[in-house]
Amino acid sequence: MEMIDILGLLAAALTTSAFFPQVIKTYKTKSVEDISLVMYLILVTGVILWLIYGLIIMNLPLIFANIITLNLAITIIVFKIKYGAPKN
């Protein structure tokens, strides 16, 4: 594995893992009031485009990071919709 690939994997691991604390906190607290749905929808769109780009150029760090990030961001969107629904 080349040094550039190691750098890419490290960057991908750090930026992707940044989403884990939000997913865990949201799951535990069920609080989504301060989470912007629009921001996450824009983020998911960008991540999908990065994933497509990574697939086109066959760059494994981009592919793996964006698959994981996409799943984490979609999880936050699901929590936002589920926990943000008006309570009766």
PDB file of N, CA and C in Angstrom:
ATOM      1  N   MET A   1       0.860  -1.176   0.000  1.00  0.00           N
ATOM      2  CA  MET A   1       0.000   0.000   0.000  1.00  0.00           C
ATOM      3  C   MET A   1       0.904   1.235   0.000  1.00  0.00           C
ATOM      4  N   GLU A   2       0.570   2.170  -0.858  1.00  0.00           N
ATOM      5  CA  GLU A   2       1.377   3.385  -0.977  1.00  0.00           C
ATOM      6  C   GLU A   2       1.034   4.382   0.125  1.00  0.00           C
ATOM      7  N   MET A   3       1.966   5.283   0.381  1.00  0.00           N
ATOM      8  CA  MET A   3       1.789   6.294   1.433  1.00  0.00           C
ATOM      9  C   MET A   3       0.566   7.166   1.163  1.00  0.00           C
ATOM     10  N   ILE A   4       0.293   7.474  -0.090  1.00  0.00           N
ATOM     11  CA  ILE A   4      -0.867   8.314  -0.429  1.00  0.00           C
ATOM     12  C   ILE A   4      -2.170   7.597  -0.061  1.00  0.00           C
ATOM     13  N   ASP A   5      -2.190   6.274  -0.214  1.00  0.00           N
ATOM     14  CA  ASP A   5      -3.375   5.500   0.169  1.00  0.00           C
ATOM     15  C   ASP A   5      -3.552   5.479   1.684  1.00  0.00           C
ATOM     16  N   ILE A   6      -2.452   5.365   2.401  1.00  0.00           N
ATOM     17  CA  ILE A   6      -2.505   5.388   3.867  1.00  0.00           C
ATOM     18  C   ILE A   6      -3.019   6.744   4.343  1.00  0.00           C
ATOM     19  N   LEU A   7      -2.521   7.808   3.723  1.00  0.00           N
ATOM     20  CA  LEU A   7      -2.992   9.157   4.056  1.00  0.00           C
ATOM     21  C   LEU A   7      -4.492   9.286   3.799  1.00  0.00           C
ATOM     22  N   GLY A   8      -4.943   8.800   2.660  1.00  0.00           N
ATOM     23  CA  GLY A   8      -6.364   8.850   2.323  1.00  0.00           C
ATOM     24  C   GLY A   8      -7.215   8.051   3.285  1.00  0.00           C
ATOM     25  N   LEU A   9      -6.740   6.875   3.650  1.00  0.00           N
ATOM     26  CA  LEU A   9      -7.489   6.042   4.602  1.00  0.00           C
ATOM     27  C   LEU A   9      -7.554   6.688   5.980  1.00  0.00           C
ATOM     28  N   LEU A  10      -6.450   7.291   6.410  1.00  0.00           N
ATOM     29  CA  LEU A  10      -6.444   7.970   7.704  1.00  0.00           C
ATOM     30  C   LEU A  10      -7.407   9.154   7.699  1.00  0.00           C
ATOM     31  N   ALA A  11      -7.362   9.965   6.648  1.00  0.00           N
ATOM     32  CA  ALA A  11      -8.279  11.103   6.533  1.00  0.00           C
ATOM     33  C   ALA A  11      -9.728  10.622   6.506  1.00  0.00           C
ATOM     34  N   ALA A  12      -9.978   9.570   5.759  1.00  0.00           N
ATOM     35  CA  ALA A  12     -11.330   9.016   5.662  1.00  0.00           C
ATOM     36  C   ALA A  12     -11.806   8.502   7.018  1.00  0.00           C
ATOM     37  N   ALA A  13     -10.933   7.820   7.739  1.00  0.00           N
ATOM     38  CA  ALA A  13     -11.302   7.278   9.053  1.00  0.00           C
ATOM     39  C   ALA A  13     -11.638   8.394  10.033  1.00  0.00           C
ATOM     40  N   LEU A  14     -10.848   9.446  10.026  1.00  0.00           N
ATOM     41  CA  LEU A  14     -11.092  10.545  10.967  1.00  0.00           C
ATOM     42  C   LEU A  14     -12.367  11.313  10.639  1.00  0.00           C
ATOM     43  N   THR A  15     -12.556  11.673   9.384  1.00  0.00           N
ATOM     44  CA  THR A  15     -13.752  12.457   9.042  1.00  0.00           C
ATOM     45  C   THR A  15     -15.022  11.620   9.171  1.00  0.00           C
ATOM     46  N   THR A  16     -14.939  10.362   8.840  1.00  0.00           N
ATOM     47  CA  THR A  16     -16.106   9.486   8.970  1.00  0.00           C
ATOM     48  C   THR A  16     -16.446   9.225  10.426  1.00  0.00           C
ATOM     49  N   SER A  17     -15.433   8.971  11.238  1.00  0.00           N
ATOM     50  CA  SER A  17     -15.696   8.673  12.649  1.00  0.00           C
ATOM     51  C   SER A  17     -16.252   9.875  13.405  1.00  0.00           C
ATOM     52  N   ALA A  18     -16.119  11.052  12.855  1.00  0.00           N
ATOM     53  CA  ALA A  18     -16.668  12.248  13.497  1.00  0.00           C
ATOM     54  C   ALA A  18     -18.194  12.181  13.620  1.00  0.00           C
ATOM     55  N   PHE A  19     -18.843  11.359  12.819  1.00  0.00           N
ATOM     56  CA  PHE A  19     -20.297  11.243  12.866  1.00  0.00           C
ATOM     57  C   PHE A  19     -20.783  10.310  13.974  1.00  0.00           C
ATOM     58  N   PHE A  20     -19.936   9.407  14.437  1.00  0.00           N
ATOM     59  CA  PHE A  20     -20.352   8.443  15.460  1.00  0.00           C
ATOM     60  C   PHE A  20     -20.852   9.102  16.747  1.00  0.00           C
ATOM     61  N   PRO A  21     -20.155  10.105  17.300  1.00  0.00           N
ATOM     62  CA  PRO A  21     -20.669  10.705  18.537  1.00  0.00           C
ATOM     63  C   PRO A  21     -22.070  11.299  18.383  1.00  0.00           C
ATOM     64  N   GLN A  22     -22.367  11.897  17.222  1.00  0.00           N
ATOM     65  CA  GLN A  22     -23.696  12.472  17.004  1.00  0.00           C
ATOM     66  C   GLN A  22     -24.752  11.387  16.932  1.00  0.00           C
ATOM     67  N   VAL A  23     -24.447  10.305  16.242  1.00  0.00           N
ATOM     68  CA  VAL A  23     -25.399   9.199  16.135  1.00  0.00           C
ATOM     69  C   VAL A  23     -25.665   8.610  17.523  1.00  0.00           C
ATOM     70  N   ILE A  24     -24.619   8.380  18.285  1.00  0.00           N
ATOM     71  CA  ILE A  24     -24.770   7.794  19.622  1.00  0.00           C
ATOM     72  C   ILE A  24     -25.547   8.731  20.545  1.00  0.00           C
ATOM     73  N   LYS A  25     -25.182  10.008  20.544  1.00  0.00           N
ATOM     74  CA  LYS A  25     -25.867  10.965  21.416  1.00  0.00           C
ATOM     75  C   LYS A  25     -27.344  11.095  21.042  1.00  0.00           C
ATOM     76  N   THR A  26     -27.623  11.174  19.755  1.00  0.00           N
ATOM     77  CA  THR A  26     -29.007  11.308  19.306  1.00  0.00           C
ATOM     78  C   THR A  26     -29.814  10.073  19.676  1.00  0.00           C
ATOM     79  N   TYR A  27     -29.215   8.911  19.518  1.00  0.00           N
ATOM     80  CA  TYR A  27     -29.906   7.678  19.875  1.00  0.00           C
ATOM     81  C   TYR A  27     -30.211   7.633  21.368  1.00  0.00           C
ATOM     82  N   LYS A  28     -29.237   8.007  22.182  1.00  0.00           N
ATOM     83  CA  LYS A  28     -29.419   7.952  23.637  1.00  0.00           C
ATOM     84  C   LYS A  28     -30.418   8.983  24.146  1.00  0.00           C
ATOM     85  N   THR A  29     -30.324  10.219  23.652  1.00  0.00           N
ATOM     86  CA  THR A  29     -31.156  11.298  24.179  1.00  0.00           C
ATOM     87  C   THR A  29     -32.483  11.445  23.452  1.00  0.00           C
ATOM     88  N   LYS A  30     -32.567  10.922  22.249  1.00  0.00           N
ATOM     89  CA  LYS A  30     -33.754  11.088  21.395  1.00  0.00           C
ATOM     90  C   LYS A  30     -34.043  12.568  21.124  1.00  0.00           C
ATOM     91  N   SER A  31     -33.028  13.407  21.299  1.00  0.00           N
ATOM     92  CA  SER A  31     -33.172  14.846  21.099  1.00  0.00           C
ATOM     93  C   SER A  31     -32.601  15.238  19.744  1.00  0.00           C
ATOM     94  N   VAL A  32     -33.462  15.800  18.897  1.00  0.00           N
ATOM     95  CA  VAL A  32     -33.039  16.200  17.549  1.00  0.00           C
ATOM     96  C   VAL A  32     -33.351  17.665  17.265  1.00  0.00           C
ATOM     97  N   GLU A  33     -33.770  18.385  18.292  1.00  0.00           N
ATOM     98  CA  GLU A  33     -34.203  19.772  18.127  1.00  0.00           C
ATOM     99  C   GLU A  33     -33.149  20.641  17.463  1.00  0.00           C
ATOM    100  N   ASP A  34     -31.891  20.466  17.826  1.00  0.00           N
ATOM    101  CA  ASP A  34     -30.828  21.314  17.302  1.00  0.00           C
ATOM    102  C   ASP A  34     -30.141  20.747  16.066  1.00  0.00           C
ATOM    103  N   ILE A  35     -30.670  19.688  15.503  1.00  0.00           N
ATOM    104  CA  ILE A  35     -30.099  19.101  14.291  1.00  0.00           C
ATOM    105  C   ILE A  35     -30.855  19.647  13.085  1.00  0.00           C
ATOM    106  N   SER A  36     -30.111  20.142  12.116  1.00  0.00           N
ATOM    107  CA  SER A  36     -30.704  20.716  10.914  1.00  0.00           C
ATOM    108  C   SER A  36     -30.937  19.626   9.872  1.00  0.00           C
ATOM    109  N   LEU A  37     -32.196  19.371   9.552  1.00  0.00           N
ATOM    110  CA  LEU A  37     -32.538  18.391   8.530  1.00  0.00           C
ATOM    111  C   LEU A  37     -32.006  18.831   7.173  1.00  0.00           C
ATOM    112  N   VAL A  38     -32.135  20.104   6.858  1.00  0.00           N
ATOM    113  CA  VAL A  38     -31.659  20.621   5.568  1.00  0.00           C
ATOM    114  C   VAL A  38     -30.156  20.401   5.425  1.00  0.00           C
ATOM    115  N   MET A  39     -29.408  20.671   6.489  1.00  0.00           N
ATOM    116  CA  MET A  39     -27.956  20.462   6.439  1.00  0.00           C
ATOM    117  C   MET A  39     -27.630  19.006   6.142  1.00  0.00           C
ATOM    118  N   TYR A  40     -28.310  18.084   6.806  1.00  0.00           N
ATOM    119  CA  TYR A  40     -28.022  16.672   6.581  1.00  0.00           C
ATOM    120  C   TYR A  40     -28.476  16.209   5.197  1.00  0.00           C
ATOM    121  N   LEU A  41     -29.550  16.776   4.670  1.00  0.00           N
ATOM    122  CA  LEU A  41     -29.975  16.425   3.308  1.00  0.00           C
ATOM    123  C   LEU A  41     -28.943  16.906   2.285  1.00  0.00           C
ATOM    124  N   ILE A  42     -28.415  18.093   2.492  1.00  0.00           N
ATOM    125  CA  ILE A  42     -27.360  18.606   1.609  1.00  0.00           C
ATOM    126  C   ILE A  42     -26.104  17.744   1.743  1.00  0.00           C
ATOM    127  N   LEU A  43     -25.756  17.404   2.976  1.00  0.00           N
ATOM    128  CA  LEU A  43     -24.587  16.557   3.223  1.00  0.00           C
ATOM    129  C   LEU A  43     -24.724  15.214   2.520  1.00  0.00           C
ATOM    130  N   VAL A  44     -25.879  14.572   2.653  1.00  0.00           N
ATOM    131  CA  VAL A  44     -26.105  13.270   2.018  1.00  0.00           C
ATOM    132  C   VAL A  44     -25.974  13.377   0.506  1.00  0.00           C
ATOM    133  N   THR A  45     -26.497  14.444  -0.070  1.00  0.00           N
ATOM    134  CA  THR A  45     -26.361  14.653  -1.515  1.00  0.00           C
ATOM    135  C   THR A  45     -24.890  14.742  -1.905  1.00  0.00           C
ATOM    136  N   GLY A  46     -24.117  15.520  -1.159  1.00  0.00           N
ATOM    137  CA  GLY A  46     -22.688  15.646  -1.427  1.00  0.00           C
ATOM    138  C   GLY A  46     -21.951  14.334  -1.248  1.00  0.00           C
ATOM    139  N   VAL A  47     -22.291  13.586  -0.208  1.00  0.00           N
ATOM    140  CA  VAL A  47     -21.639  12.299   0.049  1.00  0.00           C
ATOM    141  C   VAL A  47     -21.942  11.316  -1.082  1.00  0.00           C
ATOM    142  N   ILE A  48     -23.173  11.317  -1.564  1.00  0.00           N
ATOM    143  CA  ILE A  48     -23.526  10.448  -2.703  1.00  0.00           C
ATOM    144  C   ILE A  48     -22.673  10.808  -3.918  1.00  0.00           C
ATOM    145  N   LEU A  49     -22.510  12.096  -4.171  1.00  0.00           N
ATOM    146  CA  LEU A  49     -21.674  12.522  -5.304  1.00  0.00           C
ATOM    147  C   LEU A  49     -20.214  12.116  -5.103  1.00  0.00           C
ATOM    148  N   TRP A  50     -19.691  12.266  -3.870  1.00  0.00           N
ATOM    149  CA  TRP A  50     -18.328  11.821  -3.578  1.00  0.00           C
ATOM    150  C   TRP A  50     -18.201  10.318  -3.781  1.00  0.00           C
ATOM    151  N   LEU A  51     -19.213   9.568  -3.382  1.00  0.00           N
ATOM    152  CA  LEU A  51     -19.200   8.118  -3.554  1.00  0.00           C
ATOM    153  C   LEU A  51     -19.165   7.754  -5.039  1.00  0.00           C
ATOM    154  N   ILE A  52     -19.996   8.406  -5.818  1.00  0.00           N
ATOM    155  CA  ILE A  52     -20.002   8.166  -7.268  1.00  0.00           C
ATOM    156  C   ILE A  52     -18.629   8.496  -7.858  1.00  0.00           C
ATOM    157  N   TYR A  53     -18.074   9.623  -7.454  1.00  0.00           N
ATOM    158  CA  TYR A  53     -16.745  10.018  -7.912  1.00  0.00           C
ATOM    159  C   TYR A  53     -15.708   8.958  -7.533  1.00  0.00           C
ATOM    160  N   GLY A  54     -15.736   8.500  -6.290  1.00  0.00           N
ATOM    161  CA  GLY A  54     -14.811   7.475  -5.834  1.00  0.00           C
ATOM    162  C   GLY A  54     -14.953   6.188  -6.623  1.00  0.00           C
ATOM    163  N   LEU A  55     -16.191   5.823  -6.956  1.00  0.00           N
ATOM    164  CA  LEU A  55     -16.421   4.624  -7.754  1.00  0.00           C
ATOM    165  C   LEU A  55     -15.876   4.789  -9.170  1.00  0.00           C
ATOM    166  N   ILE A  56     -16.063   5.966  -9.736  1.00  0.00           N
ATOM    167  CA  ILE A  56     -15.574   6.221 -11.097  1.00  0.00           C
ATOM    168  C   ILE A  56     -14.048   6.120 -11.168  1.00  0.00           C
ATOM    169  N   ILE A  57     -13.373   6.715 -10.177  1.00  0.00           N
ATOM    170  CA  ILE A  57     -11.907   6.687 -10.209  1.00  0.00           C
ATOM    171  C   ILE A  57     -11.339   5.488  -9.452  1.00  0.00           C
ATOM    172  N   MET A  58     -12.229   4.646  -8.903  1.00  0.00           N
ATOM    173  CA  MET A  58     -11.847   3.441  -8.169  1.00  0.00           C
ATOM    174  C   MET A  58     -10.861   3.742  -7.034  1.00  0.00           C
ATOM    175  N   ASN A  59     -11.245   4.701  -6.173  1.00  0.00           N
ATOM    176  CA  ASN A  59     -10.417   5.093  -5.040  1.00  0.00           C
ATOM    177  C   ASN A  59     -11.043   4.516  -3.768  1.00  0.00           C
ATOM    178  N   LEU A  60     -10.395   3.491  -3.218  1.00  0.00           N
ATOM    179  CA  LEU A  60     -10.968   2.784  -2.069  1.00  0.00           C
ATOM    180  C   LEU A  60     -11.199   3.663  -0.841  1.00  0.00           C
ATOM    181  N   PRO A  61     -10.265   4.557  -0.465  1.00  0.00           N
ATOM    182  CA  PRO A  61     -10.567   5.414   0.689  1.00  0.00           C
ATOM    183  C   PRO A  61     -11.834   6.252   0.485  1.00  0.00           C
ATOM    184  N   LEU A  62     -12.024   6.807  -0.691  1.00  0.00           N
ATOM    185  CA  LEU A  62     -13.237   7.584  -0.970  1.00  0.00           C
ATOM    186  C   LEU A  62     -14.477   6.703  -0.931  1.00  0.00           C
ATOM    187  N   ILE A  63     -14.379   5.535  -1.490  1.00  0.00           N
ATOM    188  CA  ILE A  63     -15.540   4.633  -1.535  1.00  0.00           C
ATOM    189  C   ILE A  63     -15.939   4.200  -0.125  1.00  0.00           C
ATOM    190  N   PHE A  64     -14.980   3.672   0.632  1.00  0.00           N
ATOM    191  CA  PHE A  64     -15.296   3.175   1.975  1.00  0.00           C
ATOM    192  C   PHE A  64     -15.779   4.293   2.904  1.00  0.00           C
ATOM    193  N   ALA A  65     -15.075   5.403   2.891  1.00  0.00           N
ATOM    194  CA  ALA A  65     -15.451   6.515   3.779  1.00  0.00           C
ATOM    195  C   ALA A  65     -16.845   7.018   3.461  1.00  0.00           C
ATOM    196  N   ASN A  66     -17.158   7.143   2.191  1.00  0.00           N
ATOM    197  CA  ASN A  66     -18.455   7.703   1.834  1.00  0.00           C
ATOM    198  C   ASN A  66     -19.597   6.719   2.014  1.00  0.00           C
ATOM    199  N   ILE A  67     -19.340   5.440   1.900  1.00  0.00           N
ATOM    200  CA  ILE A  67     -20.382   4.449   2.219  1.00  0.00           C
ATOM    201  C   ILE A  67     -20.725   4.531   3.704  1.00  0.00           C
ATOM    202  N   ILE A  68     -19.697   4.574   4.541  1.00  0.00           N
ATOM    203  CA  ILE A  68     -19.931   4.647   5.990  1.00  0.00           C
ATOM    204  C   ILE A  68     -20.571   5.976   6.369  1.00  0.00           C
ATOM    205  N   THR A  69     -20.031   7.076   5.846  1.00  0.00           N
ATOM    206  CA  THR A  69     -20.585   8.401   6.146  1.00  0.00           C
ATOM    207  C   THR A  69     -22.039   8.496   5.692  1.00  0.00           C
ATOM    208  N   LEU A  70     -22.335   7.961   4.527  1.00  0.00           N
ATOM    209  CA  LEU A  70     -23.704   7.981   4.018  1.00  0.00           C
ATOM    210  C   LEU A  70     -24.646   7.265   4.979  1.00  0.00           C
ATOM    211  N   ASN A  71     -24.233   6.111   5.469  1.00  0.00           N
ATOM    212  CA  ASN A  71     -25.071   5.367   6.413  1.00  0.00           C
ATOM    213  C   ASN A  71     -25.269   6.129   7.724  1.00  0.00           C
ATOM    214  N   LEU A  72     -24.203   6.737   8.229  1.00  0.00           N
ATOM    215  CA  LEU A  72     -24.327   7.502   9.475  1.00  0.00           C
ATOM    216  C   LEU A  72     -25.205   8.733   9.295  1.00  0.00           C
ATOM    217  N   ALA A  73     -25.033   9.447   8.188  1.00  0.00           N
ATOM    218  CA  ALA A  73     -25.839  10.646   7.941  1.00  0.00           C
ATOM    219  C   ALA A  73     -27.307  10.288   7.729  1.00  0.00           C
ATOM    220  N   ILE A  74     -27.565   9.198   7.033  1.00  0.00           N
ATOM    221  CA  ILE A  74     -28.956   8.755   6.850  1.00  0.00           C
ATOM    222  C   ILE A  74     -29.552   8.346   8.200  1.00  0.00           C
ATOM    223  N   THR A  75     -28.756   7.747   9.059  1.00  0.00           N
ATOM    224  CA  THR A  75     -29.227   7.399  10.402  1.00  0.00           C
ATOM    225  C   THR A  75     -29.671   8.651  11.154  1.00  0.00           C
ATOM    226  N   ILE A  76     -28.896   9.712  11.063  1.00  0.00           N
ATOM    227  CA  ILE A  76     -29.274  10.967  11.719  1.00  0.00           C
ATOM    228  C   ILE A  76     -30.568  11.517  11.112  1.00  0.00           C
ATOM    229  N   ILE A  77     -30.717  11.440   9.808  1.00  0.00           N
ATOM    230  CA  ILE A  77     -31.960  11.900   9.161  1.00  0.00           C
ATOM    231  C   ILE A  77     -33.148  11.079   9.655  1.00  0.00           C
ATOM    232  N   VAL A  78     -32.982   9.773   9.749  1.00  0.00           N
ATOM    233  CA  VAL A  78     -34.059   8.909  10.253  1.00  0.00           C
ATOM    234  C   VAL A  78     -34.408   9.292  11.694  1.00  0.00           C
ATOM    235  N   PHE A  79     -33.380   9.515  12.533  1.00  0.00           N
ATOM    236  CA  PHE A  79     -33.630   9.947  13.909  1.00  0.00           C
ATOM    237  C   PHE A  79     -34.358  11.289  13.932  1.00  0.00           C
ATOM    238  N   LYS A  80     -33.942  12.207  13.069  1.00  0.00           N
ATOM    239  CA  LYS A  80     -34.564  13.538  13.024  1.00  0.00           C
ATOM    240  C   LYS A  80     -36.043  13.413  12.691  1.00  0.00           C
ATOM    241  N   ILE A  81     -36.362  12.572  11.739  1.00  0.00           N
ATOM    242  CA  ILE A  81     -37.763  12.382  11.344  1.00  0.00           C
ATOM    243  C   ILE A  81     -38.535  11.638  12.440  1.00  0.00           C
ATOM    244  N   LYS A  82     -37.930  10.587  12.962  1.00  0.00           N
ATOM    245  CA  LYS A  82     -38.604   9.764  13.981  1.00  0.00           C
ATOM    246  C   LYS A  82     -38.787  10.505  15.300  1.00  0.00           C
ATOM    247  N   TYR A  83     -37.719  11.090  15.816  1.00  0.00           N
ATOM    248  CA  TYR A  83     -37.769  11.738  17.135  1.00  0.00           C
ATOM    249  C   TYR A  83     -38.258  13.184  17.074  1.00  0.00           C
ATOM    250  N   GLY A  84     -38.268  13.740  15.868  1.00  0.00           N
ATOM    251  CA  GLY A  84     -38.706  15.119  15.732  1.00  0.00           C
ATOM    252  C   GLY A  84     -40.200  15.262  15.462  1.00  0.00           C
ATOM    253  N   ALA A  85     -40.872  14.138  15.325  1.00  0.00           N
ATOM    254  CA  ALA A  85     -42.313  14.175  15.082  1.00  0.00           C
ATOM    255  C   ALA A  85     -43.028  14.782  16.275  1.00  0.00           C
ATOM    256  N   PRO A  86     -44.072  15.538  16.022  1.00  0.00           N
ATOM    257  CA  PRO A  86     -44.842  16.140  17.138  1.00  0.00           C
ATOM    258  C   PRO A  86     -45.368  15.069  18.067  1.00  0.00           C
ATOM    259  N   LYS A  87     -45.269  15.354  19.365  1.00  0.00           N
ATOM    260  CA  LYS A  87     -45.747  14.394  20.374  1.00  0.00           C
ATOM    261  C   LYS A  87     -47.163  14.734  20.775  1.00  0.00           C
ATOM    262  N   ASN A  88     -48.001  13.700  20.861  1.00  0.00           N
ATOM    263  CA  ASN A  88     -49.412  13.909  21.219  1.00  0.00           C
ATOM    264  C   ASN A  88     -49.605  13.815  22.698  1.00  0.00           C
TER     265      ASN A  88
END
